[in-house]
């Protein structure tokens, strides 16, 4: 089945695509960068670097650290980060709907493997 992958180029060196969005969704789900990275099969270092890149790319943070109690700290997606995810997913849905007819036409042209 053909699919569409969207990457937003928001400025010089500022790119947001499916990997960063999945990471933000995993942070929101797991409450930590390390747990999100593990869930996605990504090292903590890679996950942290992507979060840092996102945070430096926007005027407001996308992810904030949380001070922990007995069980340690964590991370949370900020309201702006939530809006970024929602906007990306809306763009993705709209683009997929607009491209569906074209993609299905191309699927039939793919050589059998």
N, C-alpha and C. Protein backbone atom coordinates (compact mmCIF):
# COMPACT_ATOMS: atom_id res chain seq x y z
N UNK A 1 0.84 -1.18 0.00
CA UNK A 1 0.00 0.00 0.00
C UNK A 1 0.88 1.25 0.00
N UNK A 2 0.64 2.14 -0.90
CA UNK A 2 1.39 3.39 -0.98
C UNK A 2 1.01 4.28 0.18
N UNK A 3 1.97 5.06 0.64
CA UNK A 3 1.70 5.99 1.73
C UNK A 3 2.45 7.29 1.47
N UNK A 4 2.09 8.28 2.19
CA UNK A 4 2.67 9.61 2.06
C UNK A 4 3.43 9.93 3.34
N UNK A 5 4.64 10.45 3.20
CA UNK A 5 5.43 10.86 4.36
C UNK A 5 5.67 12.36 4.24
N UNK A 6 5.39 13.08 5.29
CA UNK A 6 5.47 14.54 5.28
C UNK A 6 6.64 15.01 6.15
N UNK A 7 7.43 15.92 5.60
CA UNK A 7 8.46 16.60 6.39
C UNK A 7 8.23 18.09 6.20
N UNK A 8 8.14 18.80 7.30
CA UNK A 8 7.97 20.25 7.25
C UNK A 8 9.33 20.92 7.36
N UNK A 9 9.65 21.76 6.39
CA UNK A 9 10.85 22.58 6.44
C UNK A 9 10.40 23.98 6.83
N UNK A 10 10.57 24.31 8.11
CA UNK A 10 10.03 25.54 8.66
C UNK A 10 11.00 26.72 8.61
N UNK A 11 12.23 26.46 8.30
CA UNK A 11 13.24 27.49 8.22
C UNK A 11 14.58 26.83 7.99
N UNK A 12 15.64 27.61 7.84
CA UNK A 12 16.96 27.02 7.62
C UNK A 12 17.33 26.06 8.76
N UNK A 13 17.46 24.79 8.43
CA UNK A 13 17.84 23.80 9.42
C UNK A 13 16.74 23.40 10.39
N UNK A 14 15.52 23.88 10.18
CA UNK A 14 14.41 23.54 11.08
C UNK A 14 13.46 22.61 10.33
N UNK A 15 13.59 21.33 10.66
CA UNK A 15 12.79 20.31 9.99
C UNK A 15 12.03 19.49 11.03
N UNK A 16 10.77 19.23 10.71
CA UNK A 16 9.95 18.39 11.58
C UNK A 16 9.30 17.33 10.69
N UNK A 17 9.53 16.09 11.05
CA UNK A 17 8.98 15.00 10.26
C UNK A 17 8.41 13.92 11.15
N UNK A 18 8.09 12.77 10.56
CA UNK A 18 7.41 11.72 11.31
C UNK A 18 8.20 11.19 12.51
N UNK A 19 9.51 11.15 12.43
CA UNK A 19 10.31 10.63 13.55
C UNK A 19 10.25 11.53 14.77
N UNK A 20 10.40 12.83 14.58
CA UNK A 20 10.33 13.76 15.71
C UNK A 20 8.93 13.81 16.30
N UNK A 21 7.94 13.73 15.43
CA UNK A 21 6.55 13.74 15.93
C UNK A 21 6.28 12.47 16.74
N UNK A 22 6.72 11.31 16.25
CA UNK A 22 6.54 10.07 17.01
C UNK A 22 7.25 10.16 18.36
N UNK A 23 8.45 10.79 18.37
CA UNK A 23 9.17 10.95 19.63
C UNK A 23 8.38 11.81 20.61
N UNK A 24 7.82 12.92 20.14
CA UNK A 24 7.01 13.77 21.02
C UNK A 24 5.80 13.02 21.55
N UNK A 25 5.15 12.24 20.70
CA UNK A 25 4.00 11.46 21.14
C UNK A 25 4.42 10.41 22.18
N UNK A 26 5.59 9.81 21.99
CA UNK A 26 6.08 8.81 22.95
C UNK A 26 6.45 9.47 24.28
N UNK A 27 7.02 10.67 24.24
CA UNK A 27 7.32 11.40 25.49
C UNK A 27 6.02 11.71 26.23
N UNK A 28 5.01 12.15 25.50
CA UNK A 28 3.71 12.43 26.12
C UNK A 28 3.13 11.17 26.74
N UNK A 29 3.31 10.05 26.09
CA UNK A 29 2.75 8.79 26.59
C UNK A 29 3.53 8.24 27.78
N UNK A 30 4.87 8.30 27.72
CA UNK A 30 5.70 7.65 28.74
C UNK A 30 6.19 8.59 29.84
N UNK A 31 6.15 9.90 29.60
CA UNK A 31 6.56 10.85 30.62
C UNK A 31 8.05 10.97 30.81
N UNK A 32 8.83 10.45 29.86
CA UNK A 32 10.28 10.59 29.95
C UNK A 32 10.91 10.42 28.58
N UNK A 33 12.03 11.11 28.39
CA UNK A 33 12.76 11.01 27.13
C UNK A 33 13.37 9.62 26.99
N UNK A 34 13.93 9.10 28.06
CA UNK A 34 14.59 7.79 27.98
C UNK A 34 13.56 6.68 27.68
N UNK A 35 12.41 6.71 28.33
CA UNK A 35 11.38 5.69 28.08
C UNK A 35 10.83 5.82 26.67
N UNK A 36 10.67 7.05 26.20
CA UNK A 36 10.20 7.26 24.83
C UNK A 36 11.22 6.71 23.84
N UNK A 37 12.50 7.00 24.08
CA UNK A 37 13.54 6.48 23.21
C UNK A 37 13.53 4.96 23.17
N UNK A 38 13.43 4.34 24.34
CA UNK A 38 13.37 2.87 24.41
C UNK A 38 12.19 2.32 23.62
N UNK A 39 11.04 2.97 23.78
CA UNK A 39 9.83 2.51 23.09
C UNK A 39 9.98 2.60 21.57
N UNK A 40 10.81 3.53 21.11
CA UNK A 40 11.01 3.71 19.68
C UNK A 40 12.28 3.02 19.17
N UNK A 41 12.98 2.31 20.06
CA UNK A 41 14.22 1.65 19.66
C UNK A 41 15.35 2.64 19.39
N UNK A 42 15.36 3.73 20.13
CA UNK A 42 16.31 4.82 19.94
C UNK A 42 17.11 5.01 21.22
N UNK A 43 18.37 5.33 21.09
CA UNK A 43 19.19 5.57 22.28
C UNK A 43 18.71 6.85 22.99
N UNK A 44 19.00 6.92 24.29
CA UNK A 44 18.65 8.12 25.04
C UNK A 44 19.34 9.33 24.44
N UNK A 45 20.60 9.16 24.07
CA UNK A 45 21.37 10.27 23.50
C UNK A 45 20.70 10.80 22.23
N UNK A 46 20.30 9.91 21.34
CA UNK A 46 19.65 10.33 20.10
C UNK A 46 18.33 11.04 20.40
N UNK A 47 17.54 10.48 21.29
CA UNK A 47 16.26 11.08 21.66
C UNK A 47 16.49 12.47 22.27
N UNK A 48 17.45 12.56 23.19
CA UNK A 48 17.73 13.85 23.83
C UNK A 48 18.20 14.87 22.80
N UNK A 49 19.04 14.46 21.85
CA UNK A 49 19.54 15.38 20.82
C UNK A 49 18.39 15.90 19.95
N UNK A 50 17.44 15.03 19.60
CA UNK A 50 16.30 15.46 18.80
C UNK A 50 15.41 16.44 19.58
N UNK A 51 15.20 16.16 20.86
CA UNK A 51 14.41 17.07 21.70
C UNK A 51 15.12 18.41 21.82
N UNK A 52 16.42 18.39 22.04
CA UNK A 52 17.19 19.63 22.15
C UNK A 52 17.12 20.43 20.85
N UNK A 53 17.22 19.74 19.73
CA UNK A 53 17.12 20.41 18.43
C UNK A 53 15.75 21.07 18.27
N UNK A 54 14.69 20.35 18.63
CA UNK A 54 13.34 20.93 18.55
C UNK A 54 13.21 22.13 19.48
N UNK A 55 13.69 22.01 20.70
CA UNK A 55 13.57 23.11 21.66
C UNK A 55 14.34 24.35 21.19
N UNK A 56 15.48 24.16 20.55
CA UNK A 56 16.25 25.30 20.05
C UNK A 56 15.65 25.91 18.78
N UNK A 57 14.79 25.15 18.10
CA UNK A 57 14.23 25.60 16.82
C UNK A 57 13.05 26.54 16.96
N UNK A 58 12.41 26.54 18.12
CA UNK A 58 11.20 27.32 18.30
C UNK A 58 11.37 28.34 19.41
N UNK A 59 10.52 29.36 19.38
CA UNK A 59 10.58 30.42 20.38
C UNK A 59 10.17 29.92 21.76
N UNK A 60 9.35 28.88 21.82
CA UNK A 60 8.98 28.28 23.10
C UNK A 60 9.39 26.81 23.09
N UNK A 61 9.62 26.26 24.28
CA UNK A 61 10.04 24.85 24.33
C UNK A 61 8.92 23.91 23.88
N UNK A 62 9.35 22.79 23.34
CA UNK A 62 8.44 21.74 22.90
C UNK A 62 8.32 20.68 24.00
N UNK A 63 9.43 20.46 24.70
CA UNK A 63 9.49 19.50 25.81
C UNK A 63 10.17 20.19 26.98
N UNK A 64 9.65 19.95 28.19
CA UNK A 64 10.26 20.48 29.41
C UNK A 64 10.56 19.32 30.35
N UNK A 65 11.66 19.47 31.07
CA UNK A 65 11.98 18.49 32.10
C UNK A 65 11.10 18.72 33.31
N UNK A 66 10.86 17.66 34.06
CA UNK A 66 10.08 17.76 35.29
C UNK A 66 10.95 17.31 36.44
N UNK A 67 10.92 18.08 37.51
CA UNK A 67 11.65 17.71 38.71
C UNK A 67 10.94 16.54 39.33
N UNK A 68 11.71 15.53 39.73
CA UNK A 68 11.09 14.32 40.26
C UNK A 68 11.14 14.23 41.76
N UNK A 69 10.34 13.37 42.26
CA UNK A 69 10.33 13.06 43.68
C UNK A 69 11.11 11.79 43.91
N UNK A 70 10.52 10.85 44.62
CA UNK A 70 11.21 9.59 44.92
C UNK A 70 11.59 8.81 43.68
N UNK A 71 10.73 8.83 42.66
CA UNK A 71 10.98 8.03 41.46
C UNK A 71 11.79 8.77 40.40
N UNK A 72 12.25 9.96 40.69
CA UNK A 72 13.06 10.70 39.73
C UNK A 72 12.21 11.63 38.89
N UNK A 73 12.88 12.33 37.99
CA UNK A 73 12.20 13.31 37.15
C UNK A 73 11.62 12.68 35.91
N UNK A 74 11.35 13.49 34.98
CA UNK A 74 10.78 13.02 33.73
C UNK A 74 10.75 14.17 32.75
N UNK A 75 9.90 14.05 31.77
CA UNK A 75 9.74 15.11 30.77
C UNK A 75 8.28 15.16 30.37
N UNK A 76 7.88 16.33 29.93
CA UNK A 76 6.51 16.47 29.43
C UNK A 76 6.52 17.31 28.18
N UNK A 77 5.60 17.02 27.30
CA UNK A 77 5.41 17.83 26.10
C UNK A 77 4.64 19.07 26.53
N UNK A 78 5.13 20.23 26.17
CA UNK A 78 4.49 21.49 26.54
C UNK A 78 3.21 21.69 25.73
N UNK A 79 2.39 22.65 26.13
CA UNK A 79 1.21 22.96 25.31
C UNK A 79 1.60 23.31 23.86
N UNK A 80 2.69 24.06 23.70
CA UNK A 80 3.13 24.36 22.33
C UNK A 80 3.54 23.08 21.60
N UNK A 81 4.24 22.18 22.29
CA UNK A 81 4.61 20.90 21.69
C UNK A 81 3.39 20.11 21.27
N UNK A 82 2.35 20.15 22.09
CA UNK A 82 1.08 19.49 21.74
C UNK A 82 0.46 20.09 20.50
N UNK A 83 0.53 21.43 20.38
CA UNK A 83 0.00 22.09 19.18
C UNK A 83 0.82 21.73 17.96
N UNK A 84 2.14 21.61 18.12
CA UNK A 84 3.01 21.20 17.00
C UNK A 84 2.60 19.82 16.50
N UNK A 85 2.41 18.88 17.42
CA UNK A 85 1.99 17.52 17.04
C UNK A 85 0.63 17.56 16.35
N UNK A 86 -0.31 18.29 16.92
CA UNK A 86 -1.66 18.36 16.34
C UNK A 86 -1.64 18.98 14.94
N UNK A 87 -0.87 20.04 14.77
CA UNK A 87 -0.77 20.68 13.44
C UNK A 87 -0.13 19.73 12.43
N UNK A 88 0.94 19.06 12.83
CA UNK A 88 1.60 18.11 11.94
C UNK A 88 0.63 17.01 11.53
N UNK A 89 -0.08 16.43 12.49
CA UNK A 89 -1.01 15.34 12.18
C UNK A 89 -2.15 15.83 11.29
N UNK A 90 -2.63 17.06 11.47
CA UNK A 90 -3.68 17.62 10.62
C UNK A 90 -3.17 17.81 9.19
N UNK A 91 -1.95 18.32 9.05
CA UNK A 91 -1.34 18.48 7.73
C UNK A 91 -1.20 17.12 7.06
N UNK A 92 -0.74 16.15 7.83
CA UNK A 92 -0.55 14.79 7.33
C UNK A 92 -1.89 14.20 6.83
N UNK A 93 -2.95 14.35 7.62
CA UNK A 93 -4.27 13.83 7.23
C UNK A 93 -4.78 14.51 5.96
N UNK A 94 -4.67 15.84 5.93
CA UNK A 94 -5.17 16.59 4.76
C UNK A 94 -4.38 16.23 3.50
N UNK A 95 -3.07 16.11 3.63
CA UNK A 95 -2.23 15.76 2.48
C UNK A 95 -2.52 14.34 2.00
N UNK A 96 -2.71 13.42 2.93
CA UNK A 96 -3.01 12.03 2.56
C UNK A 96 -4.35 11.95 1.83
N UNK A 97 -5.33 12.69 2.30
CA UNK A 97 -6.64 12.69 1.63
C UNK A 97 -6.52 13.28 0.23
N UNK A 98 -5.75 14.35 0.09
CA UNK A 98 -5.58 14.98 -1.22
C UNK A 98 -4.80 14.09 -2.19
N UNK A 99 -3.89 13.29 -1.68
CA UNK A 99 -3.03 12.46 -2.52
C UNK A 99 -3.56 11.05 -2.76
N UNK A 100 -4.60 10.64 -2.04
CA UNK A 100 -5.06 9.24 -2.07
C UNK A 100 -5.32 8.73 -3.49
N UNK A 101 -6.03 9.48 -4.29
CA UNK A 101 -6.35 9.05 -5.65
C UNK A 101 -5.09 8.87 -6.48
N UNK A 102 -4.16 9.79 -6.34
CA UNK A 102 -2.91 9.72 -7.10
C UNK A 102 -2.07 8.53 -6.63
N UNK A 103 -2.00 8.33 -5.33
CA UNK A 103 -1.22 7.21 -4.80
C UNK A 103 -1.78 5.87 -5.24
N UNK A 104 -3.10 5.73 -5.23
CA UNK A 104 -3.69 4.46 -5.64
C UNK A 104 -3.41 4.20 -7.12
N UNK A 105 -3.39 5.25 -7.92
CA UNK A 105 -3.05 5.10 -9.34
C UNK A 105 -1.62 4.66 -9.54
N UNK A 106 -0.72 5.08 -8.69
CA UNK A 106 0.69 4.70 -8.79
C UNK A 106 0.93 3.29 -8.26
N UNK A 107 0.14 2.88 -7.29
CA UNK A 107 0.31 1.54 -6.72
C UNK A 107 0.24 0.46 -7.78
N UNK A 108 -0.67 0.61 -8.73
CA UNK A 108 -0.83 -0.37 -9.78
C UNK A 108 0.35 -0.44 -10.73
N UNK A 109 1.19 0.60 -10.73
CA UNK A 109 2.33 0.64 -11.63
C UNK A 109 3.60 0.07 -11.01
N UNK A 110 3.55 -0.32 -9.76
CA UNK A 110 4.74 -0.85 -9.08
C UNK A 110 5.00 -2.27 -9.54
N UNK A 111 6.26 -2.56 -9.87
CA UNK A 111 6.64 -3.91 -10.31
C UNK A 111 6.52 -4.88 -9.16
N UNK A 112 6.07 -6.09 -9.48
CA UNK A 112 5.98 -7.15 -8.46
C UNK A 112 7.37 -7.57 -8.05
N UNK A 113 7.54 -7.87 -6.77
CA UNK A 113 8.88 -8.28 -6.31
C UNK A 113 8.95 -9.74 -6.01
